């Protein structure tokens, strides 16, 4: 595999990684917010408990996207597989 093809494939993989990570997080936040509103409408006395759990899950959703972005940046700027493509 030549080097230009390797870089092109890496850029496509990074775009998919960041795009699907953002899409998944957006869908997750939409579902999370909707369920929080449903739960708080049904049981207003549970709002503080539901809010704490909502923020914990929101942090986990953001962590997934941050990890995916970090992996994408690693692949773009410090790709550990480049040595195998260059032959050494």
C-alpha atoms as a PDB file:
ATOM      1  CA  UNK A   1       0.000   0.000   0.000  1.00  0.00           C
ATOM      2  CA  UNK A   2       1.475   3.293  -0.949  1.00  0.00           C
ATOM      3  CA  UNK A   3       1.731   6.140   1.510  1.00  0.00           C
ATOM      4  CA  UNK A   4      -0.810   8.455  -0.174  1.00  0.00           C
ATOM      5  CA  UNK A   5      -3.443   5.732  -0.141  1.00  0.00           C
ATOM      6  CA  UNK A   6      -2.692   5.071   3.523  1.00  0.00           C
ATOM      7  CA  UNK A   7      -3.161   8.741   4.424  1.00  0.00           C
ATOM      8  CA  UNK A   8      -6.384   8.903   2.420  1.00  0.00           C
ATOM      9  CA  UNK A   9      -7.776   5.836   4.166  1.00  0.00           C
ATOM     10  CA  UNK A  10      -6.758   7.265   7.520  1.00  0.00           C
ATOM     11  CA  UNK A  11      -8.595  10.528   6.812  1.00  0.00           C
ATOM     12  CA  UNK A  12     -11.742   8.650   5.820  1.00  0.00           C
ATOM     13  CA  UNK A  13     -11.543   6.561   9.002  1.00  0.00           C
ATOM     14  CA  UNK A  14     -11.079   9.683  11.127  1.00  0.00           C
ATOM     15  CA  UNK A  15     -14.066  11.386   9.481  1.00  0.00           C
ATOM     16  CA  UNK A  16     -16.252   8.345  10.130  1.00  0.00           C
ATOM     17  CA  UNK A  17     -15.006   8.074  13.714  1.00  0.00           C
ATOM     18  CA  UNK A  18     -15.730  11.699  14.579  1.00  0.00           C
ATOM     19  CA  UNK A  19     -18.986  11.831  12.606  1.00  0.00           C
ATOM     20  CA  UNK A  20     -20.502   8.695  14.113  1.00  0.00           C
ATOM     21  CA  UNK A  21     -19.293   9.689  17.576  1.00  0.00           C
ATOM     22  CA  UNK A  22     -21.033  13.048  17.275  1.00  0.00           C
ATOM     23  CA  UNK A  23     -24.166  11.468  15.836  1.00  0.00           C
ATOM     24  CA  UNK A  24     -24.352   8.881  18.610  1.00  0.00           C
ATOM     25  CA  UNK A  25     -23.867  11.513  21.277  1.00  0.00           C
ATOM     26  CA  UNK A  26     -26.562  13.729  19.758  1.00  0.00           C
ATOM     27  CA  UNK A  27     -29.037  10.850  19.648  1.00  0.00           C
ATOM     28  CA  UNK A  28     -28.099   9.856  23.191  1.00  0.00           C
ATOM     29  CA  UNK A  29     -28.627  13.378  24.516  1.00  0.00           C
ATOM     30  CA  UNK A  30     -31.988  13.581  22.756  1.00  0.00           C
ATOM     31  CA  UNK A  31     -33.192  10.335  24.306  1.00  0.00           C
ATOM     32  CA  UNK A  32     -31.745  11.280  27.697  1.00  0.00           C
ATOM     33  CA  UNK A  33     -33.429  14.692  27.740  1.00  0.00           C
ATOM     34  CA  UNK A  34     -36.758  13.273  26.623  1.00  0.00           C
ATOM     35  CA  UNK A  35     -36.734  10.560  29.272  1.00  0.00           C
ATOM     36  CA  UNK A  36     -35.725  13.059  31.935  1.00  0.00           C
ATOM     37  CA  UNK A  37     -38.653  15.294  31.035  1.00  0.00           C
ATOM     38  CA  UNK A  38     -41.036  12.321  31.027  1.00  0.00           C
ATOM     39  CA  UNK A  39     -39.821  11.172  34.426  1.00  0.00           C
ATOM     40  CA  UNK A  40     -39.959  14.628  35.962  1.00  0.00           C
ATOM     41  CA  UNK A  41     -43.480  15.187  34.609  1.00  0.00           C
ATOM     42  CA  UNK A  42     -44.700  11.926  36.121  1.00  0.00           C
ATOM     43  CA  UNK A  43     -42.990  12.319  39.491  1.00  0.00           C
ATOM     44  CA  UNK A  44     -41.968  15.918  40.244  1.00  0.00           C
ATOM     45  CA  UNK A  45     -40.643  14.944  43.682  1.00  0.00           C
ATOM     46  CA  UNK A  46     -37.962  12.785  41.990  1.00  0.00           C
ATOM     47  CA  UNK A  47     -36.464  15.666  39.962  1.00  0.00           C
ATOM     48  CA  UNK A  48     -33.274  16.040  42.084  1.00  0.00           C
ATOM     49  CA  UNK A  49     -32.518  12.308  41.900  1.00  0.00           C
ATOM     50  CA  UNK A  50     -33.274  12.121  38.192  1.00  0.00           C
ATOM     51  CA  UNK A  51     -31.180  15.208  37.522  1.00  0.00           C
ATOM     52  CA  UNK A  52     -28.110  13.717  39.203  1.00  0.00           C
ATOM     53  CA  UNK A  53     -28.464  10.511  37.216  1.00  0.00           C
ATOM     54  CA  UNK A  54     -29.006  12.497  34.036  1.00  0.00           C
ATOM     55  CA  UNK A  55     -25.766  14.431  34.538  1.00  0.00           C
ATOM     56  CA  UNK A  56     -23.827  11.217  35.213  1.00  0.00           C
ATOM     57  CA  UNK A  57     -25.062   9.692  31.967  1.00  0.00           C
ATOM     58  CA  UNK A  58     -24.399  12.959  30.110  1.00  0.00           C
ATOM     59  CA  UNK A  59     -20.804  12.857  31.348  1.00  0.00           C
ATOM     60  CA  UNK A  60     -20.434   9.303  30.071  1.00  0.00           C
ATOM     61  CA  UNK A  61     -21.820  10.323  26.684  1.00  0.00           C
ATOM     62  CA  UNK A  62     -19.353  13.206  26.471  1.00  0.00           C
ATOM     63  CA  UNK A  63     -16.492  10.963  27.562  1.00  0.00           C
ATOM     64  CA  UNK A  64     -17.182   8.586  24.690  1.00  0.00           C
ATOM     65  CA  UNK A  65     -17.018  11.413  22.170  1.00  0.00           C
ATOM     66  CA  UNK A  66     -13.856  12.841  23.738  1.00  0.00           C
ATOM     67  CA  UNK A  67     -12.133   9.440  23.578  1.00  0.00           C
ATOM     68  CA  UNK A  68     -13.181   8.960  19.948  1.00  0.00           C
ATOM     69  CA  UNK A  69     -11.868  12.426  19.078  1.00  0.00           C
ATOM     70  CA  UNK A  70      -8.570  11.727  20.854  1.00  0.00           C
ATOM     71  CA  UNK A  71      -8.133   8.495  18.892  1.00  0.00           C
ATOM     72  CA  UNK A  72      -8.927  10.365  15.665  1.00  0.00           C
ATOM     73  CA  UNK A  73      -6.333  13.056  16.412  1.00  0.00           C
ATOM     74  CA  UNK A  74      -3.783  10.345  17.234  1.00  0.00           C
ATOM     75  CA  UNK A  75      -4.419   8.659  13.897  1.00  0.00           C
ATOM     76  CA  UNK A  76      -4.137  11.952  12.019  1.00  0.00           C
ATOM     77  CA  UNK A  77      -1.005  13.411  13.582  1.00  0.00           C
ATOM     78  CA  UNK A  78       0.935  10.576  15.243  1.00  0.00           C
ATOM     79  CA  UNK A  79      -0.185   7.426  13.482  1.00  0.00           C
ATOM     80  CA  UNK A  80       1.499   4.394  15.084  1.00  0.00           C
ATOM     81  CA  UNK A  81       0.910   2.301  11.949  1.00  0.00           C
ATOM     82  CA  UNK A  82       2.966   4.504   9.626  1.00  0.00           C
ATOM     83  CA  UNK A  83       6.122   2.483  10.297  1.00  0.00           C
ATOM     84  CA  UNK A  84       4.535  -0.665   8.908  1.00  0.00           C
ATOM     85  CA  UNK A  85       3.517   1.123   5.717  1.00  0.00           C
ATOM     86  CA  UNK A  86       6.943   2.679   5.189  1.00  0.00           C
ATOM     87  CA  UNK A  87       8.577  -0.719   5.568  1.00  0.00           C
ATOM     88  CA  UNK A  88      10.376  -0.301   8.826  1.00  0.00           C
END
